Amino acid sequence: MTDTKTTTTPGDLQKLREAVSTMDAYSQEAFKEIGAIARLALRCMTLPNEPRAADDIATALKAICARADEAMNGINAEAESVACNYVDDTTRRGFGSSQAAH
């Protein structure tokens, strides 16, 4: 039986620290933007007789969706760069069964 322990080097630890710092920056920036857009959309909903309110709210919600996807992808890419990305069991099982079918 072989020992499969991995050794963590100071360089590995530094890469991990940098990835966590980058993910924190991504998340803080994205969540501030998402919160600001959502608050503006909520304020827009309270405007009486504003004909463009529905369009503005729809645009704000689309921006929230786009920013959330962008942040998720950036954070995931950073996690992948240090082999620490999350893969849910459903996705993992689905990928394994599709690979077995080929």
Protein backbone atom coordinates (compact mmCIF):
# COMPACT_ATOMS: atom_id res chain seq x y z
CA MET A 1 0.00 0.00 0.00
CA THR A 2 1.41 3.39 -0.92
CA ASP A 3 1.09 6.51 1.15
CA THR A 4 -0.89 9.12 -0.79
CA LYS A 5 -0.31 12.05 1.57
CA THR A 6 0.38 15.29 -0.17
CA THR A 7 2.87 17.82 1.03
CA THR A 8 1.82 21.43 1.27
CA THR A 9 4.55 23.86 0.39
CA PRO A 10 4.83 27.51 1.45
CA GLY A 11 4.10 28.38 -2.20
CA ASP A 12 0.87 26.36 -2.07
CA LEU A 13 -0.18 28.16 1.08
CA GLN A 14 0.57 31.53 -0.53
CA LYS A 15 -1.49 30.61 -3.62
CA LEU A 16 -4.38 29.60 -1.36
CA ARG A 17 -4.15 32.86 0.61
CA GLU A 18 -4.16 34.87 -2.62
CA ALA A 19 -7.17 32.95 -3.95
CA VAL A 20 -9.14 33.47 -0.73
CA SER A 21 -8.28 37.18 -0.74
CA THR A 22 -9.36 37.50 -4.38
CA MET A 23 -12.62 35.64 -3.70
CA ASP A 24 -13.31 37.92 -0.75
CA ALA A 25 -12.75 40.98 -2.95
CA TYR A 26 -15.03 39.55 -5.69
CA SER A 27 -17.78 38.80 -3.21
CA GLN A 28 -17.62 42.14 -1.38
CA GLU A 29 -17.74 44.13 -4.62
CA ALA A 30 -20.50 42.01 -6.14
CA PHE A 31 -22.70 41.97 -3.06
CA LYS A 32 -22.38 45.75 -2.62
CA GLU A 33 -23.45 46.24 -6.23
CA ILE A 34 -26.29 43.72 -6.00
CA GLY A 35 -27.55 45.30 -2.78
CA ALA A 36 -27.42 48.81 -4.24
CA ILE A 37 -29.30 47.79 -7.38
CA ALA A 38 -31.93 45.94 -5.34
CA ARG A 39 -32.43 48.94 -3.03
CA LEU A 40 -32.87 51.23 -6.04
CA ALA A 41 -35.39 48.82 -7.56
CA LEU A 42 -37.33 48.76 -4.27
CA ARG A 43 -37.38 52.56 -4.17
CA CYS A 44 -38.54 52.64 -7.77
CA MET A 45 -41.48 50.41 -6.84
CA THR A 46 -42.74 53.07 -4.41
CA LEU A 47 -42.89 55.88 -6.98
CA PRO A 48 -46.52 56.82 -7.61
CA ASN A 49 -47.66 56.83 -11.22
CA GLU A 50 -44.18 56.42 -12.69
CA PRO A 51 -44.68 54.99 -16.20
CA ARG A 52 -41.11 53.71 -16.56
CA ALA A 53 -40.98 52.06 -13.12
CA ALA A 54 -41.75 48.56 -14.40
CA ASP A 55 -39.10 48.83 -17.13
CA ASP A 56 -36.55 50.18 -14.67
CA ILE A 57 -37.28 47.39 -12.19
CA ALA A 58 -36.97 44.75 -14.92
CA THR A 59 -33.63 46.24 -16.00
CA ALA A 60 -32.43 46.28 -12.39
CA LEU A 61 -33.42 42.64 -11.87
CA LYS A 62 -31.58 41.63 -15.06
CA ALA A 63 -28.51 43.51 -13.80
CA ILE A 64 -28.72 41.68 -10.47
CA CYS A 65 -28.87 38.32 -12.26
CA ALA A 66 -25.93 39.19 -14.50
CA ARG A 67 -23.79 40.48 -11.63
CA ALA A 68 -24.58 37.45 -9.49
CA ASP A 69 -23.56 35.10 -12.32
CA GLU A 70 -20.39 37.09 -12.96
CA ALA A 71 -19.40 36.99 -9.29
CA MET A 72 -20.19 33.29 -8.98
CA ASN A 73 -18.04 32.50 -12.02
CA GLY A 74 -15.14 34.64 -10.80
CA ILE A 75 -15.20 33.11 -7.33
CA ASN A 76 -15.47 29.60 -8.78
CA ALA A 77 -12.52 30.22 -11.12
CA GLU A 78 -10.38 31.35 -8.18
CA ALA A 79 -11.37 28.28 -6.17
CA GLU A 80 -10.58 26.04 -9.14
CA SER A 81 -7.16 27.68 -9.51
CA VAL A 82 -6.19 26.19 -6.13
CA ALA A 83 -8.19 22.96 -6.57
CA CYS A 84 -10.72 23.98 -3.89
CA ASN A 85 -13.87 24.44 -5.94
CA TYR A 86 -17.17 23.02 -4.74
CA VAL A 87 -18.99 20.48 -6.89
CA ASP A 88 -22.36 19.39 -5.59
CA ASP A 89 -23.12 15.66 -5.43
CA THR A 90 -25.94 15.92 -7.97
CA THR A 91 -23.62 17.44 -10.56
CA ARG A 92 -20.89 14.93 -9.76
CA ARG A 93 -23.30 11.97 -10.11
CA GLY A 94 -24.73 13.38 -13.34
CA PHE A 95 -21.27 13.86 -14.81
CA GLY A 96 -20.22 10.34 -13.82
CA SER A 97 -23.29 8.73 -15.35
CA SER A 98 -22.95 10.71 -18.58
CA GLN A 99 -19.30 9.66 -18.83
CA ALA A 100 -20.23 6.01 -18.30
CA ALA A 101 -22.77 6.21 -21.14
CA HIS A 102 -20.07 7.17 -23.65
